[in-house]
PDB file of N, CA and C in Angstrom:
ATOM      1  N   MET A   1      14.036  21.061   9.238  1.00  0.00           N
ATOM      2  CA  MET A   1      12.502  21.334   9.850  1.00  0.00           C
ATOM      3  C   MET A   1      11.588  20.244   8.987  1.00  0.00           C
ATOM      4  N   LEU A   2      11.368  20.352   7.823  1.00  0.00           N
ATOM      5  CA  LEU A   2      10.317  19.404   6.951  1.00  0.00           C
ATOM      6  C   LEU A   2      11.256  17.836   6.991  1.00  0.00           C
ATOM      7  N   GLN A   3      12.420  17.425   7.049  1.00  0.00           N
ATOM      8  CA  GLN A   3      12.744  16.255   7.086  1.00  0.00           C
ATOM      9  C   GLN A   3      12.460  15.781   8.457  1.00  0.00           C
ATOM     10  N   ASN A   4      12.619  16.468   9.519  1.00  0.00           N
ATOM     11  CA  ASN A   4      12.043  15.844  10.740  1.00  0.00           C
ATOM     12  C   ASN A   4      10.888  15.750  11.014  1.00  0.00           C
ATOM     13  N   ARG A   5       9.809  16.723  10.417  1.00  0.00           N
ATOM     14  CA  ARG A   5       8.436  16.482  10.145  1.00  0.00           C
ATOM     15  C   ARG A   5       7.843  15.056   9.336  1.00  0.00           C
ATOM     16  N   ILE A   6       8.803  15.035   8.264  1.00  0.00           N
ATOM     17  CA  ILE A   6       8.360  13.956   7.351  1.00  0.00           C
ATOM     18  C   ILE A   6       8.775  12.423   8.223  1.00  0.00           C
ATOM     19  N   THR A   7       9.876  12.669   9.187  1.00  0.00           N
ATOM     20  CA  THR A   7      10.270  11.417   9.599  1.00  0.00           C
ATOM     21  C   THR A   7       9.369  11.009  10.767  1.00  0.00           C
ATOM     22  N   MET A   8       8.754  12.052  11.789  1.00  0.00           N
ATOM     23  CA  MET A   8       7.743  11.941  12.742  1.00  0.00           C
ATOM     24  C   MET A   8       6.442  11.472  12.216  1.00  0.00           C
ATOM     25  N   ASN A   9       5.836  12.096  11.002  1.00  0.00           N
ATOM     26  CA  ASN A   9       4.745  11.033   9.845  1.00  0.00           C
ATOM     27  C   ASN A   9       5.104   9.897  10.126  1.00  0.00           C
ATOM     28  N   ILE A  10       5.996   9.305   9.565  1.00  0.00           N
ATOM     29  CA  ILE A  10       6.347   8.258   8.912  1.00  0.00           C
ATOM     30  C   ILE A  10       6.340   7.062  10.259  1.00  0.00           C
ATOM     31  N   LYS A  11       6.995   7.408  11.507  1.00  0.00           N
ATOM     32  CA  LYS A  11       7.477   6.660  12.833  1.00  0.00           C
ATOM     33  C   LYS A  11       5.642   6.598  13.346  1.00  0.00           C
ATOM     34  N   ASN A  12       5.062   7.892  13.361  1.00  0.00           N
ATOM     35  CA  ASN A  12       3.552   7.733  13.678  1.00  0.00           C
ATOM     36  C   ASN A  12       2.757   6.765  12.968  1.00  0.00           C
ATOM     37  N   PHE A  13       3.097   6.730  11.703  1.00  0.00           N
ATOM     38  CA  PHE A  13       2.185   5.824  10.869  1.00  0.00           C
ATOM     39  C   PHE A  13       2.312   4.448  11.393  1.00  0.00           C
ATOM     40  N   VAL A  14       3.687   4.374  11.502  1.00  0.00           N
ATOM     41  CA  VAL A  14       4.073   2.925  11.655  1.00  0.00           C
ATOM     42  C   VAL A  14       3.655   2.306  13.075  1.00  0.00           C
ATOM     43  N   VAL A  15       3.849   3.309  14.139  1.00  0.00           N
ATOM     44  CA  VAL A  15       3.439   3.098  15.518  1.00  0.00           C
ATOM     45  C   VAL A  15       1.699   2.383  15.313  1.00  0.00           C
ATOM     46  N   GLU A  16       1.376   3.559  15.050  1.00  0.00           N
ATOM     47  CA  GLU A  16      -0.295   3.347  14.707  1.00  0.00           C
ATOM     48  C   GLU A  16      -0.757   2.278  13.866  1.00  0.00           C
ATOM     49  N   SER A  17      -0.125   2.109  12.924  1.00  0.00           N
ATOM     50  CA  SER A  17      -0.200   0.656  12.099  1.00  0.00           C
ATOM     51  C   SER A  17      -0.270  -0.499  12.761  1.00  0.00           C
ATOM     52  N   ILE A  18       1.192  -0.565  13.874  1.00  0.00           N
ATOM     53  CA  ILE A  18       0.884  -1.809  14.458  1.00  0.00           C
ATOM     54  C   ILE A  18       0.136  -2.082  15.730  1.00  0.00           C
ATOM     55  N   ASP A  19      -0.374  -0.761  16.169  1.00  0.00           N
ATOM     56  CA  ASP A  19      -1.323  -0.669  17.424  1.00  0.00           C
ATOM     57  C   ASP A  19      -2.388  -1.291  16.792  1.00  0.00           C
ATOM     58  N   GLU A  20      -2.632  -0.861  15.872  1.00  0.00           N
ATOM     59  CA  GLU A  20      -4.090  -1.441  15.072  1.00  0.00           C
ATOM     60  C   GLU A  20      -4.108  -2.881  14.680  1.00  0.00           C
ATOM     61  N   MET A  21      -3.047  -3.457  14.395  1.00  0.00           N
ATOM     62  CA  MET A  21      -3.207  -4.598  13.641  1.00  0.00           C
ATOM     63  C   MET A  21      -3.364  -5.554  15.173  1.00  0.00           C
ATOM     64  N   LYS A  22      -2.463  -5.093  16.142  1.00  0.00           N
ATOM     65  CA  LYS A  22      -2.663  -5.876  17.609  1.00  0.00           C
ATOM     66  C   LYS A  22      -3.918  -5.697  18.094  1.00  0.00           C
ATOM     67  N   ASN A  23      -4.263  -4.597  18.506  1.00  0.00           N
ATOM     68  CA  ASN A  23      -5.703  -4.333  19.106  1.00  0.00           C
ATOM     69  C   ASN A  23      -7.014  -3.966  18.741  1.00  0.00           C
ATOM     70  N   LYS A  24      -7.001  -3.852  17.262  1.00  0.00           N
ATOM     71  CA  LYS A  24      -8.167  -3.117  16.773  1.00  0.00           C
ATOM     72  C   LYS A  24      -8.822  -4.473  15.894  1.00  0.00           C
ATOM     73  N   VAL A  25      -8.050  -5.168  15.237  1.00  0.00           N
ATOM     74  CA  VAL A  25      -8.350  -6.096  14.095  1.00  0.00           C
ATOM     75  C   VAL A  25      -8.796  -7.351  14.660  1.00  0.00           C
ATOM     76  N   THR A  26      -9.557  -8.130  14.391  1.00  0.00           N
ATOM     77  CA  THR A  26     -10.221  -9.314  15.011  1.00  0.00           C
ATOM     78  C   THR A  26      -9.749 -10.302  13.676  1.00  0.00           C
ATOM     79  N   TRP A  27      -8.962 -11.015  14.246  1.00  0.00           N
ATOM     80  CA  TRP A  27      -8.572 -12.080  13.324  1.00  0.00           C
ATOM     81  C   TRP A  27      -9.260 -13.418  13.856  1.00  0.00           C
ATOM     82  N   PRO A  28      -9.366 -14.133  12.321  1.00  0.00           N
ATOM     83  CA  PRO A  28     -10.187 -15.232  12.264  1.00  0.00           C
ATOM     84  C   PRO A  28      -9.294 -16.404  13.070  1.00  0.00           C
ATOM     85  N   PRO A  29     -10.170 -17.532  13.393  1.00  0.00           N
ATOM     86  CA  PRO A  29      -9.496 -18.572  14.365  1.00  0.00           C
ATOM     87  C   PRO A  29      -8.364 -19.379  12.960  1.00  0.00           C
ATOM     88  N   TYR A  30      -7.673 -20.522  13.486  1.00  0.00           N
ATOM     89  CA  TYR A  30      -7.008 -20.822  12.423  1.00  0.00           C
ATOM     90  C   TYR A  30      -7.627 -22.097  11.970  1.00  0.00           C
ATOM     91  N   SER A  31      -8.458 -22.730  12.368  1.00  0.00           N
ATOM     92  CA  SER A  31      -9.462 -23.914  11.677  1.00  0.00           C
ATOM     93  C   SER A  31      -9.852 -23.107  10.453  1.00  0.00           C
ATOM     94  N   PHE A  32     -10.911 -21.706  10.908  1.00  0.00           N
ATOM     95  CA  PHE A  32     -11.364 -21.194   9.705  1.00  0.00           C
ATOM     96  C   PHE A  32     -10.286 -20.943   8.398  1.00  0.00           C
ATOM     97  N   LEU A  33      -9.086 -20.442   8.800  1.00  0.00           N
ATOM     98  CA  LEU A  33      -8.172 -19.988   7.578  1.00  0.00           C
ATOM     99  C   LEU A  33      -7.769 -21.329   6.954  1.00  0.00           C
ATOM    100  N   GLN A  34      -7.900 -22.623   7.818  1.00  0.00           N
ATOM    101  CA  GLN A  34      -7.746 -23.826   6.999  1.00  0.00           C
ATOM    102  C   GLN A  34      -8.731 -24.187   6.001  1.00  0.00           C
ATOM    103  N   ASN A  35      -9.672 -24.282   6.446  1.00  0.00           N
ATOM    104  CA  ASN A  35     -10.961 -24.414   5.895  1.00  0.00           C
ATOM    105  C   ASN A  35     -11.047 -23.728   4.597  1.00  0.00           C
ATOM    106  N   SER A  36     -10.845 -22.398   4.754  1.00  0.00           N
ATOM    107  CA  SER A  36     -10.682 -21.543   3.654  1.00  0.00           C
ATOM    108  C   SER A  36      -9.662 -21.708   2.484  1.00  0.00           C
ATOM    109  N   ALA A  37      -8.766 -22.096   3.017  1.00  0.00           N
ATOM    110  CA  ALA A  37      -7.288 -22.624   2.139  1.00  0.00           C
ATOM    111  C   ALA A  37      -7.911 -23.830   1.218  1.00  0.00           C
ATOM    112  N   VAL A  38      -8.489 -24.886   1.895  1.00  0.00           N
ATOM    113  CA  VAL A  38      -8.731 -25.931   1.242  1.00  0.00           C
ATOM    114  C   VAL A  38      -9.791 -25.681   0.221  1.00  0.00           C
ATOM    115  N   LEU A  39     -10.971 -24.719   0.636  1.00  0.00           N
ATOM    116  CA  LEU A  39     -11.810 -24.446  -0.323  1.00  0.00           C
ATOM    117  C   LEU A  39     -11.235 -23.840  -1.830  1.00  0.00           C
ATOM    118  N   VAL A  40     -10.462 -23.110  -1.366  1.00  0.00           N
ATOM    119  CA  VAL A  40      -9.843 -22.275  -2.373  1.00  0.00           C
ATOM    120  C   VAL A  40      -8.929 -22.847  -3.393  1.00  0.00           C
ATOM    121  N   ILE A  41      -8.331 -23.851  -2.712  1.00  0.00           N
ATOM    122  CA  ILE A  41      -7.295 -25.076  -3.628  1.00  0.00           C
ATOM    123  C   ILE A  41      -8.352 -25.952  -4.554  1.00  0.00           C
ATOM    124  N   VAL A  42      -9.242 -26.240  -3.792  1.00  0.00           N
ATOM    125  CA  VAL A  42     -10.370 -27.196  -4.740  1.00  0.00           C
ATOM    126  C   VAL A  42     -11.436 -26.235  -5.827  1.00  0.00           C
ATOM    127  N   ALA A  43     -11.615 -25.306  -5.466  1.00  0.00           N
ATOM    128  CA  ALA A  43     -12.327 -24.275  -6.535  1.00  0.00           C
ATOM    129  C   ALA A  43     -11.213 -24.025  -7.424  1.00  0.00           C
ATOM    130  N   SER A  44     -10.054 -23.625  -7.381  1.00  0.00           N
ATOM    131  CA  SER A  44      -8.875 -23.326  -8.147  1.00  0.00           C
ATOM    132  C   SER A  44      -8.582 -24.685  -9.106  1.00  0.00           C
ATOM    133  N   LEU A  45      -8.835 -26.057  -8.353  1.00  0.00           N
ATOM    134  CA  LEU A  45      -8.681 -26.986  -9.236  1.00  0.00           C
ATOM    135  C   LEU A  45      -9.821 -27.471 -10.034  1.00  0.00           C
ATOM    136  N   VAL A  46     -11.103 -27.174  -9.822  1.00  0.00           N
ATOM    137  CA  VAL A  46     -12.373 -27.449 -10.778  1.00  0.00           C
ATOM    138  C   VAL A  46     -11.863 -26.422 -11.658  1.00  0.00           C
ATOM    139  N   PHE A  47     -11.839 -25.118 -11.298  1.00  0.00           N
ATOM    140  CA  PHE A  47     -11.547 -24.066 -12.682  1.00  0.00           C
ATOM    141  C   PHE A  47     -11.057 -24.499 -13.383  1.00  0.00           C
ATOM    142  N   ALA A  48      -9.383 -24.681 -12.952  1.00  0.00           N
ATOM    143  CA  ALA A  48      -8.479 -25.149 -13.856  1.00  0.00           C
ATOM    144  C   ALA A  48      -9.040 -26.594 -14.670  1.00  0.00           C
ATOM    145  N   LEU A  49      -9.602 -27.526 -14.073  1.00  0.00           N
ATOM    146  CA  LEU A  49     -10.210 -28.662 -14.957  1.00  0.00           C
ATOM    147  C   LEU A  49     -11.298 -28.262 -15.979  1.00  0.00           C
ATOM    148  N   VAL A  50     -11.809 -27.263 -15.641  1.00  0.00           N
ATOM    149  CA  VAL A  50     -13.322 -26.721 -16.611  1.00  0.00           C
ATOM    150  C   VAL A  50     -12.198 -26.104 -18.002  1.00  0.00           C
ATOM    151  N   ILE A  51     -11.701 -24.997 -17.545  1.00  0.00           N
ATOM    152  CA  ILE A  51     -10.868 -24.375 -18.461  1.00  0.00           C
ATOM    153  C   ILE A  51     -10.184 -25.297 -19.605  1.00  0.00           C
ATOM    154  N   GLY A  52      -8.951 -26.487 -18.765  1.00  0.00           N
ATOM    155  CA  GLY A  52      -8.512 -27.470 -19.510  1.00  0.00           C
ATOM    156  C   GLY A  52      -9.459 -28.203 -20.473  1.00  0.00           C
ATOM    157  N   LEU A  53     -10.619 -28.772 -19.994  1.00  0.00           N
ATOM    158  CA  LEU A  53     -11.447 -29.273 -20.733  1.00  0.00           C
ATOM    159  C   LEU A  53     -12.266 -28.715 -22.028  1.00  0.00           C
ATOM    160  N   ILE A  54     -12.445 -27.194 -21.769  1.00  0.00           N
ATOM    161  CA  ILE A  54     -13.107 -26.196 -22.696  1.00  0.00           C
ATOM    162  C   ILE A  54     -11.633 -25.960 -23.714  1.00  0.00           C
ATOM    163  N   ASP A  55     -10.337 -25.812 -23.295  1.00  0.00           N
ATOM    164  CA  ASP A  55      -9.149 -26.152 -24.407  1.00  0.00           C
ATOM    165  C   ASP A  55      -9.263 -26.954 -24.739  1.00  0.00           C
ATOM    166  N   LEU A  56      -9.335 -28.009 -24.916  1.00  0.00           N
ATOM    167  CA  LEU A  56      -9.355 -29.340 -25.460  1.00  0.00           C
ATOM    168  C   LEU A  56     -10.379 -29.509 -26.431  1.00  0.00           C
ATOM    169  N   GLY A  57     -11.517 -28.907 -26.224  1.00  0.00           N
ATOM    170  CA  GLY A  57     -12.636 -29.283 -26.850  1.00  0.00           C
ATOM    171  C   GLY A  57     -12.332 -28.519 -27.970  1.00  0.00           C
ATOM    172  N   PHE A  58     -12.113 -26.996 -27.848  1.00  0.00           N
ATOM    173  CA  PHE A  58     -11.520 -25.814 -28.911  1.00  0.00           C
ATOM    174  C   PHE A  58     -10.753 -26.555 -29.362  1.00  0.00           C
ATOM    175  N   GLU A  59      -9.376 -27.343 -28.989  1.00  0.00           N
ATOM    176  CA  GLU A  59      -8.709 -27.957 -30.036  1.00  0.00           C
ATOM    177  C   GLU A  59      -8.881 -28.693 -30.877  1.00  0.00           C
ATOM    178  N   ASN A  60      -9.851 -29.608 -30.358  1.00  0.00           N
ATOM    179  CA  ASN A  60     -10.112 -30.979 -31.242  1.00  0.00           C
ATOM    180  C   ASN A  60     -11.127 -30.192 -32.340  1.00  0.00           C
ATOM    181  N   LEU A  61     -12.222 -29.174 -31.726  1.00  0.00           N
ATOM    182  CA  LEU A  61     -12.593 -28.617 -33.247  1.00  0.00           C
ATOM    183  C   LEU A  61     -11.800 -27.922 -34.229  1.00  0.00           C
ATOM    184  N   MET A  62     -10.990 -27.247 -33.736  1.00  0.00           N
ATOM    185  CA  MET A  62     -10.080 -26.447 -34.948  1.00  0.00           C
ATOM    186  C   MET A  62      -9.304 -27.497 -35.701  1.00  0.00           C
ATOM    187  N   THR A  63      -8.849 -28.723 -34.532  1.00  0.00           N
ATOM    188  CA  THR A  63      -8.184 -29.532 -35.726  1.00  0.00           C
ATOM    189  C   THR A  63      -8.971 -30.266 -36.533  1.00  0.00           C
ATOM    190  N   TRP A  64     -10.095 -30.769 -36.301  1.00  0.00           N
ATOM    191  CA  TRP A  64     -11.138 -31.010 -37.126  1.00  0.00           C
ATOM    192  C   TRP A  64     -11.588 -30.232 -38.194  1.00  0.00           C
ATOM    193  N   PHE A  65     -11.749 -28.893 -38.016  1.00  0.00           N
ATOM    194  CA  PHE A  65     -12.332 -28.082 -38.917  1.00  0.00           C
ATOM    195  C   PHE A  65     -10.998 -27.751 -40.027  1.00  0.00           C
ATOM    196  N   TYR A  66      -9.778 -27.807 -39.604  1.00  0.00           N
ATOM    197  CA  TYR A  66      -8.503 -27.443 -40.386  1.00  0.00           C
ATOM    198  C   TYR A  66      -8.314 -28.517 -41.129  1.00  0.00           C
ATOM    199  N   ASP A  67      -8.683 -29.939 -40.834  1.00  0.00           N
ATOM    200  CA  ASP A  67      -8.160 -31.067 -41.808  1.00  0.00           C
ATOM    201  C   ASP A  67      -9.623 -31.110 -42.647  1.00  0.00           C
ATOM    202  N   LEU A  68     -10.439 -30.307 -42.774  1.00  0.00           N
ATOM    203  CA  LEU A  68     -11.333 -30.332 -43.592  1.00  0.00           C
ATOM    204  C   LEU A  68     -10.772 -30.147 -44.992  1.00  0.00           C
ATOM    205  N   PHE A  69      -9.949 -29.152 -45.045  1.00  0.00           N
ATOM    206  CA  PHE A  69      -9.094 -28.229 -45.983  1.00  0.00           C
ATOM    207  C   PHE A  69      -8.031 -28.649 -46.528  1.00  0.00           C
TER     208      PHE A  69
END
């Protein structure tokens, strides 16, 4: 009896989830997704460049400092 109820709950969950994804979710247009993806890629590259420059600066600072001794 418990096994049957669990199976029905899982089946009901899956059916309702599919219905919600098809009929109740508003999906953005493909062009918006493309623009967002480009924005994320550019922002990630800029962030990586800034972090890389900071790392290079600290590396040079530490090399200079340790060469003093």
